[in-house]
Amino acid sequence: TMNTILGQMQTSTVCPDCQGDGKK
C-alpha cells in the first residue's frame, strides 16, 4: 500500500521469497 497524491493505492506483485509458489 502506497500513499500518493490521489490517495492510497495497492499493488500486488509475485512473492520474492517463494517466486509465486506459495510454499517453500
PDBML (XML) file of the C-alpha atoms, coordinates in Angstrom:
<?xml version="1.0" encoding="UTF-8" ?>
<PDBx:datablock datablockName="MODEL"
   xmlns:PDBx="http://pdbml.pdb.org/schema/pdbx-v50.xsd"
   xmlns:xsi="http://www.w3.org/2001/XMLSchema-instance"
   xsi:schemaLocation="http://pdbml.pdb.org/schema/pdbx-v50.xsd pdbx-v50.xsd">
   <PDBx:atom_siteCategory>
      <PDBx:atom_site id="1">
         <PDBx:B_iso_or_equiv>0.00</PDBx:B_iso_or_equiv>
         <PDBx:Cartn_x>0.000</PDBx:Cartn_x>
         <PDBx:Cartn_y>0.000</PDBx:Cartn_y>
         <PDBx:Cartn_z>0.000</PDBx:Cartn_z>
         <PDBx:auth_asym_id>A</PDBx:auth_asym_id>
         <PDBx:auth_atom_id>CA</PDBx:auth_atom_id>
         <PDBx:auth_comp_id>THR</PDBx:auth_comp_id>
         <PDBx:auth_seq_id>1</PDBx:auth_seq_id>
         <PDBx:group_PDB>ATOM</PDBx:group_PDB>
         <PDBx:label_alt_id xsi:nil="true" />
         <PDBx:label_asym_id>A</PDBx:label_asym_id>
         <PDBx:label_atom_id>CA</PDBx:label_atom_id>
         <PDBx:label_comp_id>THR</PDBx:label_comp_id>
         <PDBx:label_entity_id>1</PDBx:label_entity_id>
         <PDBx:label_seq_id>1</PDBx:label_seq_id>
         <PDBx:occupancy>1.00</PDBx:occupancy>
         <PDBx:pdbx_PDB_model_num>1</PDBx:pdbx_PDB_model_num>
         <PDBx:type_symbol>C</PDBx:type_symbol>
      </PDBx:atom_site>
      <PDBx:atom_site id="2">
         <PDBx:B_iso_or_equiv>0.00</PDBx:B_iso_or_equiv>
         <PDBx:Cartn_x>1.420</PDBx:Cartn_x>
         <PDBx:Cartn_y>3.343</PDBx:Cartn_y>
         <PDBx:Cartn_z>-1.064</PDBx:Cartn_z>
         <PDBx:auth_asym_id>A</PDBx:auth_asym_id>
         <PDBx:auth_atom_id>CA</PDBx:auth_atom_id>
         <PDBx:auth_comp_id>MET</PDBx:auth_comp_id>
         <PDBx:auth_seq_id>2</PDBx:auth_seq_id>
         <PDBx:group_PDB>ATOM</PDBx:group_PDB>
         <PDBx:label_alt_id xsi:nil="true" />
         <PDBx:label_asym_id>A</PDBx:label_asym_id>
         <PDBx:label_atom_id>CA</PDBx:label_atom_id>
         <PDBx:label_comp_id>MET</PDBx:label_comp_id>
         <PDBx:label_entity_id>1</PDBx:label_entity_id>
         <PDBx:label_seq_id>2</PDBx:label_seq_id>
         <PDBx:occupancy>1.00</PDBx:occupancy>
         <PDBx:pdbx_PDB_model_num>1</PDBx:pdbx_PDB_model_num>
         <PDBx:type_symbol>C</PDBx:type_symbol>
      </PDBx:atom_site>
      <PDBx:atom_site id="3">
         <PDBx:B_iso_or_equiv>0.00</PDBx:B_iso_or_equiv>
         <PDBx:Cartn_x>0.291</PDBx:Cartn_x>
         <PDBx:Cartn_y>6.877</PDBx:Cartn_y>
         <PDBx:Cartn_z>-0.274</PDBx:Cartn_z>
         <PDBx:auth_asym_id>A</PDBx:auth_asym_id>
         <PDBx:auth_atom_id>CA</PDBx:auth_atom_id>
         <PDBx:auth_comp_id>ASN</PDBx:auth_comp_id>
         <PDBx:auth_seq_id>3</PDBx:auth_seq_id>
         <PDBx:group_PDB>ATOM</PDBx:group_PDB>
         <PDBx:label_alt_id xsi:nil="true" />
         <PDBx:label_asym_id>A</PDBx:label_asym_id>
         <PDBx:label_atom_id>CA</PDBx:label_atom_id>
         <PDBx:label_comp_id>ASN</PDBx:label_comp_id>
         <PDBx:label_entity_id>1</PDBx:label_entity_id>
         <PDBx:label_seq_id>3</PDBx:label_seq_id>
         <PDBx:occupancy>1.00</PDBx:occupancy>
         <PDBx:pdbx_PDB_model_num>1</PDBx:pdbx_PDB_model_num>
         <PDBx:type_symbol>C</PDBx:type_symbol>
      </PDBx:atom_site>
      <PDBx:atom_site id="4">
         <PDBx:B_iso_or_equiv>0.00</PDBx:B_iso_or_equiv>
         <PDBx:Cartn_x>0.028</PDBx:Cartn_x>
         <PDBx:Cartn_y>9.056</PDBx:Cartn_y>
         <PDBx:Cartn_z>-3.361</PDBx:Cartn_z>
         <PDBx:auth_asym_id>A</PDBx:auth_asym_id>
         <PDBx:auth_atom_id>CA</PDBx:auth_atom_id>
         <PDBx:auth_comp_id>THR</PDBx:auth_comp_id>
         <PDBx:auth_seq_id>4</PDBx:auth_seq_id>
         <PDBx:group_PDB>ATOM</PDBx:group_PDB>
         <PDBx:label_alt_id xsi:nil="true" />
         <PDBx:label_asym_id>A</PDBx:label_asym_id>
         <PDBx:label_atom_id>CA</PDBx:label_atom_id>
         <PDBx:label_comp_id>THR</PDBx:label_comp_id>
         <PDBx:label_entity_id>1</PDBx:label_entity_id>
         <PDBx:label_seq_id>4</PDBx:label_seq_id>
         <PDBx:occupancy>1.00</PDBx:occupancy>
         <PDBx:pdbx_PDB_model_num>1</PDBx:pdbx_PDB_model_num>
         <PDBx:type_symbol>C</PDBx:type_symbol>
      </PDBx:atom_site>
      <PDBx:atom_site id="5">
         <PDBx:B_iso_or_equiv>0.00</PDBx:B_iso_or_equiv>
         <PDBx:Cartn_x>-1.420</PDBx:Cartn_x>
         <PDBx:Cartn_y>12.447</PDBx:Cartn_y>
         <PDBx:Cartn_z>-4.155</PDBx:Cartn_z>
         <PDBx:auth_asym_id>A</PDBx:auth_asym_id>
         <PDBx:auth_atom_id>CA</PDBx:auth_atom_id>
         <PDBx:auth_comp_id>ILE</PDBx:auth_comp_id>
         <PDBx:auth_seq_id>5</PDBx:auth_seq_id>
         <PDBx:group_PDB>ATOM</PDBx:group_PDB>
         <PDBx:label_alt_id xsi:nil="true" />
         <PDBx:label_asym_id>A</PDBx:label_asym_id>
         <PDBx:label_atom_id>CA</PDBx:label_atom_id>
         <PDBx:label_comp_id>ILE</PDBx:label_comp_id>
         <PDBx:label_entity_id>1</PDBx:label_entity_id>
         <PDBx:label_seq_id>5</PDBx:label_seq_id>
         <PDBx:occupancy>1.00</PDBx:occupancy>
         <PDBx:pdbx_PDB_model_num>1</PDBx:pdbx_PDB_model_num>
         <PDBx:type_symbol>C</PDBx:type_symbol>
      </PDBx:atom_site>
      <PDBx:atom_site id="6">
         <PDBx:B_iso_or_equiv>0.00</PDBx:B_iso_or_equiv>
         <PDBx:Cartn_x>-4.507</PDBx:Cartn_x>
         <PDBx:Cartn_y>10.562</PDBx:Cartn_y>
         <PDBx:Cartn_z>-5.331</PDBx:Cartn_z>
         <PDBx:auth_asym_id>A</PDBx:auth_asym_id>
         <PDBx:auth_atom_id>CA</PDBx:auth_atom_id>
         <PDBx:auth_comp_id>LEU</PDBx:auth_comp_id>
         <PDBx:auth_seq_id>6</PDBx:auth_seq_id>
         <PDBx:group_PDB>ATOM</PDBx:group_PDB>
         <PDBx:label_alt_id xsi:nil="true" />
         <PDBx:label_asym_id>A</PDBx:label_asym_id>
         <PDBx:label_atom_id>CA</PDBx:label_atom_id>
         <PDBx:label_comp_id>LEU</PDBx:label_comp_id>
         <PDBx:label_entity_id>1</PDBx:label_entity_id>
         <PDBx:label_seq_id>6</PDBx:label_seq_id>
         <PDBx:occupancy>1.00</PDBx:occupancy>
         <PDBx:pdbx_PDB_model_num>1</PDBx:pdbx_PDB_model_num>
         <PDBx:type_symbol>C</PDBx:type_symbol>
      </PDBx:atom_site>
      <PDBx:atom_site id="7">
         <PDBx:B_iso_or_equiv>0.00</PDBx:B_iso_or_equiv>
         <PDBx:Cartn_x>-4.817</PDBx:Cartn_x>
         <PDBx:Cartn_y>8.680</PDBx:Cartn_y>
         <PDBx:Cartn_z>-2.072</PDBx:Cartn_z>
         <PDBx:auth_asym_id>A</PDBx:auth_asym_id>
         <PDBx:auth_atom_id>CA</PDBx:auth_atom_id>
         <PDBx:auth_comp_id>GLY</PDBx:auth_comp_id>
         <PDBx:auth_seq_id>7</PDBx:auth_seq_id>
         <PDBx:group_PDB>ATOM</PDBx:group_PDB>
         <PDBx:label_alt_id xsi:nil="true" />
         <PDBx:label_asym_id>A</PDBx:label_asym_id>
         <PDBx:label_atom_id>CA</PDBx:label_atom_id>
         <PDBx:label_comp_id>GLY</PDBx:label_comp_id>
         <PDBx:label_entity_id>1</PDBx:label_entity_id>
         <PDBx:label_seq_id>7</PDBx:label_seq_id>
         <PDBx:occupancy>1.00</PDBx:occupancy>
         <PDBx:pdbx_PDB_model_num>1</PDBx:pdbx_PDB_model_num>
         <PDBx:type_symbol>C</PDBx:type_symbol>
      </PDBx:atom_site>
      <PDBx:atom_site id="8">
         <PDBx:B_iso_or_equiv>0.00</PDBx:B_iso_or_equiv>
         <PDBx:Cartn_x>-3.793</PDBx:Cartn_x>
         <PDBx:Cartn_y>5.180</PDBx:Cartn_y>
         <PDBx:Cartn_z>-1.072</PDBx:Cartn_z>
         <PDBx:auth_asym_id>A</PDBx:auth_asym_id>
         <PDBx:auth_atom_id>CA</PDBx:auth_atom_id>
         <PDBx:auth_comp_id>GLN</PDBx:auth_comp_id>
         <PDBx:auth_seq_id>8</PDBx:auth_seq_id>
         <PDBx:group_PDB>ATOM</PDBx:group_PDB>
         <PDBx:label_alt_id xsi:nil="true" />
         <PDBx:label_asym_id>A</PDBx:label_asym_id>
         <PDBx:label_atom_id>CA</PDBx:label_atom_id>
         <PDBx:label_comp_id>GLN</PDBx:label_comp_id>
         <PDBx:label_entity_id>1</PDBx:label_entity_id>
         <PDBx:label_seq_id>8</PDBx:label_seq_id>
         <PDBx:occupancy>1.00</PDBx:occupancy>
         <PDBx:pdbx_PDB_model_num>1</PDBx:pdbx_PDB_model_num>
         <PDBx:type_symbol>C</PDBx:type_symbol>
      </PDBx:atom_site>
      <PDBx:atom_site id="9">
         <PDBx:B_iso_or_equiv>0.00</PDBx:B_iso_or_equiv>
         <PDBx:Cartn_x>-3.062</PDBx:Cartn_x>
         <PDBx:Cartn_y>2.719</PDBx:Cartn_y>
         <PDBx:Cartn_z>-3.852</PDBx:Cartn_z>
         <PDBx:auth_asym_id>A</PDBx:auth_asym_id>
         <PDBx:auth_atom_id>CA</PDBx:auth_atom_id>
         <PDBx:auth_comp_id>MET</PDBx:auth_comp_id>
         <PDBx:auth_seq_id>9</PDBx:auth_seq_id>
         <PDBx:group_PDB>ATOM</PDBx:group_PDB>
         <PDBx:label_alt_id xsi:nil="true" />
         <PDBx:label_asym_id>A</PDBx:label_asym_id>
         <PDBx:label_atom_id>CA</PDBx:label_atom_id>
         <PDBx:label_comp_id>MET</PDBx:label_comp_id>
         <PDBx:label_entity_id>1</PDBx:label_entity_id>
         <PDBx:label_seq_id>9</PDBx:label_seq_id>
         <PDBx:occupancy>1.00</PDBx:occupancy>
         <PDBx:pdbx_PDB_model_num>1</PDBx:pdbx_PDB_model_num>
         <PDBx:type_symbol>C</PDBx:type_symbol>
      </PDBx:atom_site>
      <PDBx:atom_site id="10">
         <PDBx:B_iso_or_equiv>0.00</PDBx:B_iso_or_equiv>
         <PDBx:Cartn_x>-2.451</PDBx:Cartn_x>
         <PDBx:Cartn_y>-1.023</PDBx:Cartn_y>
         <PDBx:Cartn_z>-3.608</PDBx:Cartn_z>
         <PDBx:auth_asym_id>A</PDBx:auth_asym_id>
         <PDBx:auth_atom_id>CA</PDBx:auth_atom_id>
         <PDBx:auth_comp_id>GLN</PDBx:auth_comp_id>
         <PDBx:auth_seq_id>10</PDBx:auth_seq_id>
         <PDBx:group_PDB>ATOM</PDBx:group_PDB>
         <PDBx:label_alt_id xsi:nil="true" />
         <PDBx:label_asym_id>A</PDBx:label_asym_id>
         <PDBx:label_atom_id>CA</PDBx:label_atom_id>
         <PDBx:label_comp_id>GLN</PDBx:label_comp_id>
         <PDBx:label_entity_id>1</PDBx:label_entity_id>
         <PDBx:label_seq_id>10</PDBx:label_seq_id>
         <PDBx:occupancy>1.00</PDBx:occupancy>
         <PDBx:pdbx_PDB_model_num>1</PDBx:pdbx_PDB_model_num>
         <PDBx:type_symbol>C</PDBx:type_symbol>
      </PDBx:atom_site>
      <PDBx:atom_site id="11">
         <PDBx:B_iso_or_equiv>0.00</PDBx:B_iso_or_equiv>
         <PDBx:Cartn_x>-0.220</PDBx:Cartn_x>
         <PDBx:Cartn_y>-3.048</PDBx:Cartn_y>
         <PDBx:Cartn_z>-5.914</PDBx:Cartn_z>
         <PDBx:auth_asym_id>A</PDBx:auth_asym_id>
         <PDBx:auth_atom_id>CA</PDBx:auth_atom_id>
         <PDBx:auth_comp_id>THR</PDBx:auth_comp_id>
         <PDBx:auth_seq_id>11</PDBx:auth_seq_id>
         <PDBx:group_PDB>ATOM</PDBx:group_PDB>
         <PDBx:label_alt_id xsi:nil="true" />
         <PDBx:label_asym_id>A</PDBx:label_asym_id>
         <PDBx:label_atom_id>CA</PDBx:label_atom_id>
         <PDBx:label_comp_id>THR</PDBx:label_comp_id>
         <PDBx:label_entity_id>1</PDBx:label_entity_id>
         <PDBx:label_seq_id>11</PDBx:label_seq_id>
         <PDBx:occupancy>1.00</PDBx:occupancy>
         <PDBx:pdbx_PDB_model_num>1</PDBx:pdbx_PDB_model_num>
         <PDBx:type_symbol>C</PDBx:type_symbol>
      </PDBx:atom_site>
      <PDBx:atom_site id="12">
         <PDBx:B_iso_or_equiv>0.00</PDBx:B_iso_or_equiv>
         <PDBx:Cartn_x>0.251</PDBx:Cartn_x>
         <PDBx:Cartn_y>-6.818</PDBx:Cartn_y>
         <PDBx:Cartn_z>-5.971</PDBx:Cartn_z>
         <PDBx:auth_asym_id>A</PDBx:auth_asym_id>
         <PDBx:auth_atom_id>CA</PDBx:auth_atom_id>
         <PDBx:auth_comp_id>SER</PDBx:auth_comp_id>
         <PDBx:auth_seq_id>12</PDBx:auth_seq_id>
         <PDBx:group_PDB>ATOM</PDBx:group_PDB>
         <PDBx:label_alt_id xsi:nil="true" />
         <PDBx:label_asym_id>A</PDBx:label_asym_id>
         <PDBx:label_atom_id>CA</PDBx:label_atom_id>
         <PDBx:label_comp_id>SER</PDBx:label_comp_id>
         <PDBx:label_entity_id>1</PDBx:label_entity_id>
         <PDBx:label_seq_id>12</PDBx:label_seq_id>
         <PDBx:occupancy>1.00</PDBx:occupancy>
         <PDBx:pdbx_PDB_model_num>1</PDBx:pdbx_PDB_model_num>
         <PDBx:type_symbol>C</PDBx:type_symbol>
      </PDBx:atom_site>
      <PDBx:atom_site id="13">
         <PDBx:B_iso_or_equiv>0.00</PDBx:B_iso_or_equiv>
         <PDBx:Cartn_x>3.473</PDBx:Cartn_x>
         <PDBx:Cartn_y>-8.487</PDBx:Cartn_y>
         <PDBx:Cartn_z>-7.082</PDBx:Cartn_z>
         <PDBx:auth_asym_id>A</PDBx:auth_asym_id>
         <PDBx:auth_atom_id>CA</PDBx:auth_atom_id>
         <PDBx:auth_comp_id>THR</PDBx:auth_comp_id>
         <PDBx:auth_seq_id>13</PDBx:auth_seq_id>
         <PDBx:group_PDB>ATOM</PDBx:group_PDB>
         <PDBx:label_alt_id xsi:nil="true" />
         <PDBx:label_asym_id>A</PDBx:label_asym_id>
         <PDBx:label_atom_id>CA</PDBx:label_atom_id>
         <PDBx:label_comp_id>THR</PDBx:label_comp_id>
         <PDBx:label_entity_id>1</PDBx:label_entity_id>
         <PDBx:label_seq_id>13</PDBx:label_seq_id>
         <PDBx:occupancy>1.00</PDBx:occupancy>
         <PDBx:pdbx_PDB_model_num>1</PDBx:pdbx_PDB_model_num>
         <PDBx:type_symbol>C</PDBx:type_symbol>
      </PDBx:atom_site>
      <PDBx:atom_site id="14">
         <PDBx:B_iso_or_equiv>0.00</PDBx:B_iso_or_equiv>
         <PDBx:Cartn_x>4.860</PDBx:Cartn_x>
         <PDBx:Cartn_y>-12.018</PDBx:Cartn_y>
         <PDBx:Cartn_z>-7.135</PDBx:Cartn_z>
         <PDBx:auth_asym_id>A</PDBx:auth_asym_id>
         <PDBx:auth_atom_id>CA</PDBx:auth_atom_id>
         <PDBx:auth_comp_id>VAL</PDBx:auth_comp_id>
         <PDBx:auth_seq_id>14</PDBx:auth_seq_id>
         <PDBx:group_PDB>ATOM</PDBx:group_PDB>
         <PDBx:label_alt_id xsi:nil="true" />
         <PDBx:label_asym_id>A</PDBx:label_asym_id>
         <PDBx:label_atom_id>CA</PDBx:label_atom_id>
         <PDBx:label_comp_id>VAL</PDBx:label_comp_id>
         <PDBx:label_entity_id>1</PDBx:label_entity_id>
         <PDBx:label_seq_id>14</PDBx:label_seq_id>
         <PDBx:occupancy>1.00</PDBx:occupancy>
         <PDBx:pdbx_PDB_model_num>1</PDBx:pdbx_PDB_model_num>
         <PDBx:type_symbol>C</PDBx:type_symbol>
      </PDBx:atom_site>
      <PDBx:atom_site id="15">
         <PDBx:B_iso_or_equiv>0.00</PDBx:B_iso_or_equiv>
         <PDBx:Cartn_x>6.236</PDBx:Cartn_x>
         <PDBx:Cartn_y>-13.005</PDBx:Cartn_y>
         <PDBx:Cartn_z>-3.751</PDBx:Cartn_z>
         <PDBx:auth_asym_id>A</PDBx:auth_asym_id>
         <PDBx:auth_atom_id>CA</PDBx:auth_atom_id>
         <PDBx:auth_comp_id>CYS</PDBx:auth_comp_id>
         <PDBx:auth_seq_id>15</PDBx:auth_seq_id>
         <PDBx:group_PDB>ATOM</PDBx:group_PDB>
         <PDBx:label_alt_id xsi:nil="true" />
         <PDBx:label_asym_id>A</PDBx:label_asym_id>
         <PDBx:label_atom_id>CA</PDBx:label_atom_id>
         <PDBx:label_comp_id>CYS</PDBx:label_comp_id>
         <PDBx:label_entity_id>1</PDBx:label_entity_id>
         <PDBx:label_seq_id>15</PDBx:label_seq_id>
         <PDBx:occupancy>1.00</PDBx:occupancy>
         <PDBx:pdbx_PDB_model_num>1</PDBx:pdbx_PDB_model_num>
         <PDBx:type_symbol>C</PDBx:type_symbol>
      </PDBx:atom_site>
      <PDBx:atom_site id="16">
         <PDBx:B_iso_or_equiv>0.00</PDBx:B_iso_or_equiv>
         <PDBx:Cartn_x>10.037</PDBx:Cartn_x>
         <PDBx:Cartn_y>-12.572</PDBx:Cartn_y>
         <PDBx:Cartn_z>-3.848</PDBx:Cartn_z>
         <PDBx:auth_asym_id>A</PDBx:auth_asym_id>
         <PDBx:auth_atom_id>CA</PDBx:auth_atom_id>
         <PDBx:auth_comp_id>PRO</PDBx:auth_comp_id>
         <PDBx:auth_seq_id>16</PDBx:auth_seq_id>
         <PDBx:group_PDB>ATOM</PDBx:group_PDB>
         <PDBx:label_alt_id xsi:nil="true" />
         <PDBx:label_asym_id>A</PDBx:label_asym_id>
         <PDBx:label_atom_id>CA</PDBx:label_atom_id>
         <PDBx:label_comp_id>PRO</PDBx:label_comp_id>
         <PDBx:label_entity_id>1</PDBx:label_entity_id>
         <PDBx:label_seq_id>16</PDBx:label_seq_id>
         <PDBx:occupancy>1.00</PDBx:occupancy>
         <PDBx:pdbx_PDB_model_num>1</PDBx:pdbx_PDB_model_num>
         <PDBx:type_symbol>C</PDBx:type_symbol>
      </PDBx:atom_site>
      <PDBx:atom_site id="17">
         <PDBx:B_iso_or_equiv>0.00</PDBx:B_iso_or_equiv>
         <PDBx:Cartn_x>10.664</PDBx:Cartn_x>
         <PDBx:Cartn_y>-15.412</PDBx:Cartn_y>
         <PDBx:Cartn_z>-1.373</PDBx:Cartn_z>
         <PDBx:auth_asym_id>A</PDBx:auth_asym_id>
         <PDBx:auth_atom_id>CA</PDBx:auth_atom_id>
         <PDBx:auth_comp_id>ASP</PDBx:auth_comp_id>
         <PDBx:auth_seq_id>17</PDBx:auth_seq_id>
         <PDBx:group_PDB>ATOM</PDBx:group_PDB>
         <PDBx:label_alt_id xsi:nil="true" />
         <PDBx:label_asym_id>A</PDBx:label_asym_id>
         <PDBx:label_atom_id>CA</PDBx:label_atom_id>
         <PDBx:label_comp_id>ASP</PDBx:label_comp_id>
         <PDBx:label_entity_id>1</PDBx:label_entity_id>
         <PDBx:label_seq_id>17</PDBx:label_seq_id>
         <PDBx:occupancy>1.00</PDBx:occupancy>
         <PDBx:pdbx_PDB_model_num>1</PDBx:pdbx_PDB_model_num>
         <PDBx:type_symbol>C</PDBx:type_symbol>
      </PDBx:atom_site>
      <PDBx:atom_site id="18">
         <PDBx:B_iso_or_equiv>0.00</PDBx:B_iso_or_equiv>
         <PDBx:Cartn_x>8.694</PDBx:Cartn_x>
         <PDBx:Cartn_y>-18.253</PDBx:Cartn_y>
         <PDBx:Cartn_z>-2.995</PDBx:Cartn_z>
         <PDBx:auth_asym_id>A</PDBx:auth_asym_id>
         <PDBx:auth_atom_id>CA</PDBx:auth_atom_id>
         <PDBx:auth_comp_id>CYS</PDBx:auth_comp_id>
         <PDBx:auth_seq_id>18</PDBx:auth_seq_id>
         <PDBx:group_PDB>ATOM</PDBx:group_PDB>
         <PDBx:label_alt_id xsi:nil="true" />
         <PDBx:label_asym_id>A</PDBx:label_asym_id>
         <PDBx:label_atom_id>CA</PDBx:label_atom_id>
         <PDBx:label_comp_id>CYS</PDBx:label_comp_id>
         <PDBx:label_entity_id>1</PDBx:label_entity_id>
         <PDBx:label_seq_id>18</PDBx:label_seq_id>
         <PDBx:occupancy>1.00</PDBx:occupancy>
         <PDBx:pdbx_PDB_model_num>1</PDBx:pdbx_PDB_model_num>
         <PDBx:type_symbol>C</PDBx:type_symbol>
      </PDBx:atom_site>
      <PDBx:atom_site id="19">
         <PDBx:B_iso_or_equiv>0.00</PDBx:B_iso_or_equiv>
         <PDBx:Cartn_x>8.532</PDBx:Cartn_x>
         <PDBx:Cartn_y>-16.841</PDBx:Cartn_y>
         <PDBx:Cartn_z>-6.553</PDBx:Cartn_z>
         <PDBx:auth_asym_id>A</PDBx:auth_asym_id>
         <PDBx:auth_atom_id>CA</PDBx:auth_atom_id>
         <PDBx:auth_comp_id>GLN</PDBx:auth_comp_id>
         <PDBx:auth_seq_id>19</PDBx:auth_seq_id>
         <PDBx:group_PDB>ATOM</PDBx:group_PDB>
         <PDBx:label_alt_id xsi:nil="true" />
         <PDBx:label_asym_id>A</PDBx:label_asym_id>
         <PDBx:label_atom_id>CA</PDBx:label_atom_id>
         <PDBx:label_comp_id>GLN</PDBx:label_comp_id>
         <PDBx:label_entity_id>1</PDBx:label_entity_id>
         <PDBx:label_seq_id>19</PDBx:label_seq_id>
         <PDBx:occupancy>1.00</PDBx:occupancy>
         <PDBx:pdbx_PDB_model_num>1</PDBx:pdbx_PDB_model_num>
         <PDBx:type_symbol>C</PDBx:type_symbol>
      </PDBx:atom_site>
      <PDBx:atom_site id="20">
         <PDBx:B_iso_or_equiv>0.00</PDBx:B_iso_or_equiv>
         <PDBx:Cartn_x>4.772</PDBx:Cartn_x>
         <PDBx:Cartn_y>-17.234</PDBx:Cartn_y>
         <PDBx:Cartn_z>-6.568</PDBx:Cartn_z>
         <PDBx:auth_asym_id>A</PDBx:auth_asym_id>
         <PDBx:auth_atom_id>CA</PDBx:auth_atom_id>
         <PDBx:auth_comp_id>GLY</PDBx:auth_comp_id>
         <PDBx:auth_seq_id>20</PDBx:auth_seq_id>
         <PDBx:group_PDB>ATOM</PDBx:group_PDB>
         <PDBx:label_alt_id xsi:nil="true" />
         <PDBx:label_asym_id>A</PDBx:label_asym_id>
         <PDBx:label_atom_id>CA</PDBx:label_atom_id>
         <PDBx:label_comp_id>GLY</PDBx:label_comp_id>
         <PDBx:label_entity_id>1</PDBx:label_entity_id>
         <PDBx:label_seq_id>20</PDBx:label_seq_id>
         <PDBx:occupancy>1.00</PDBx:occupancy>
         <PDBx:pdbx_PDB_model_num>1</PDBx:pdbx_PDB_model_num>
         <PDBx:type_symbol>C</PDBx:type_symbol>
      </PDBx:atom_site>
      <PDBx:atom_site id="21">
         <PDBx:B_iso_or_equiv>0.00</PDBx:B_iso_or_equiv>
         <PDBx:Cartn_x>4.630</PDBx:Cartn_x>
         <PDBx:Cartn_y>-20.874</PDBx:Cartn_y>
         <PDBx:Cartn_z>-5.436</PDBx:Cartn_z>
         <PDBx:auth_asym_id>A</PDBx:auth_asym_id>
         <PDBx:auth_atom_id>CA</PDBx:auth_atom_id>
         <PDBx:auth_comp_id>ASP</PDBx:auth_comp_id>
         <PDBx:auth_seq_id>21</PDBx:auth_seq_id>
         <PDBx:group_PDB>ATOM</PDBx:group_PDB>
         <PDBx:label_alt_id xsi:nil="true" />
         <PDBx:label_asym_id>A</PDBx:label_asym_id>
         <PDBx:label_atom_id>CA</PDBx:label_atom_id>
         <PDBx:label_comp_id>ASP</PDBx:label_comp_id>
         <PDBx:label_entity_id>1</PDBx:label_entity_id>
         <PDBx:label_seq_id>21</PDBx:label_seq_id>
         <PDBx:occupancy>1.00</PDBx:occupancy>
         <PDBx:pdbx_PDB_model_num>1</PDBx:pdbx_PDB_model_num>
         <PDBx:type_symbol>C</PDBx:type_symbol>
      </PDBx:atom_site>
      <PDBx:atom_site id="22">
         <PDBx:B_iso_or_equiv>0.00</PDBx:B_iso_or_equiv>
         <PDBx:Cartn_x>3.078</PDBx:Cartn_x>
         <PDBx:Cartn_y>-20.032</PDBx:Cartn_y>
         <PDBx:Cartn_z>-2.062</PDBx:Cartn_z>
         <PDBx:auth_asym_id>A</PDBx:auth_asym_id>
         <PDBx:auth_atom_id>CA</PDBx:auth_atom_id>
         <PDBx:auth_comp_id>GLY</PDBx:auth_comp_id>
         <PDBx:auth_seq_id>22</PDBx:auth_seq_id>
         <PDBx:group_PDB>ATOM</PDBx:group_PDB>
         <PDBx:label_alt_id xsi:nil="true" />
         <PDBx:label_asym_id>A</PDBx:label_asym_id>
         <PDBx:label_atom_id>CA</PDBx:label_atom_id>
         <PDBx:label_comp_id>GLY</PDBx:label_comp_id>
         <PDBx:label_entity_id>1</PDBx:label_entity_id>
         <PDBx:label_seq_id>22</PDBx:label_seq_id>
         <PDBx:occupancy>1.00</PDBx:occupancy>
         <PDBx:pdbx_PDB_model_num>1</PDBx:pdbx_PDB_model_num>
         <PDBx:type_symbol>C</PDBx:type_symbol>
      </PDBx:atom_site>
      <PDBx:atom_site id="23">
         <PDBx:B_iso_or_equiv>0.00</PDBx:B_iso_or_equiv>
         <PDBx:Cartn_x>5.312</PDBx:Cartn_x>
         <PDBx:Cartn_y>-22.562</PDBx:Cartn_y>
         <PDBx:Cartn_z>-0.323</PDBx:Cartn_z>
         <PDBx:auth_asym_id>A</PDBx:auth_asym_id>
         <PDBx:auth_atom_id>CA</PDBx:auth_atom_id>
         <PDBx:auth_comp_id>LYS</PDBx:auth_comp_id>
         <PDBx:auth_seq_id>23</PDBx:auth_seq_id>
         <PDBx:group_PDB>ATOM</PDBx:group_PDB>
         <PDBx:label_alt_id xsi:nil="true" />
         <PDBx:label_asym_id>A</PDBx:label_asym_id>
         <PDBx:label_atom_id>CA</PDBx:label_atom_id>
         <PDBx:label_comp_id>LYS</PDBx:label_comp_id>
         <PDBx:label_entity_id>1</PDBx:label_entity_id>
         <PDBx:label_seq_id>23</PDBx:label_seq_id>
         <PDBx:occupancy>1.00</PDBx:occupancy>
         <PDBx:pdbx_PDB_model_num>1</PDBx:pdbx_PDB_model_num>
         <PDBx:type_symbol>C</PDBx:type_symbol>
      </PDBx:atom_site>
      <PDBx:atom_site id="24">
         <PDBx:B_iso_or_equiv>0.00</PDBx:B_iso_or_equiv>
         <PDBx:Cartn_x>8.970</PDBx:Cartn_x>
         <PDBx:Cartn_y>-23.282</PDBx:Cartn_y>
         <PDBx:Cartn_z>0.341</PDBx:Cartn_z>
         <PDBx:auth_asym_id>A</PDBx:auth_asym_id>
         <PDBx:auth_atom_id>CA</PDBx:auth_atom_id>
         <PDBx:auth_comp_id>LYS</PDBx:auth_comp_id>
         <PDBx:auth_seq_id>24</PDBx:auth_seq_id>
         <PDBx:group_PDB>ATOM</PDBx:group_PDB>
         <PDBx:label_alt_id xsi:nil="true" />
         <PDBx:label_asym_id>A</PDBx:label_asym_id>
         <PDBx:label_atom_id>CA</PDBx:label_atom_id>
         <PDBx:label_comp_id>LYS</PDBx:label_comp_id>
         <PDBx:label_entity_id>1</PDBx:label_entity_id>
         <PDBx:label_seq_id>24</PDBx:label_seq_id>
         <PDBx:occupancy>1.00</PDBx:occupancy>
         <PDBx:pdbx_PDB_model_num>1</PDBx:pdbx_PDB_model_num>
         <PDBx:type_symbol>C</PDBx:type_symbol>
      </PDBx:atom_site>
   </PDBx:atom_siteCategory>
</PDBx:datablock>
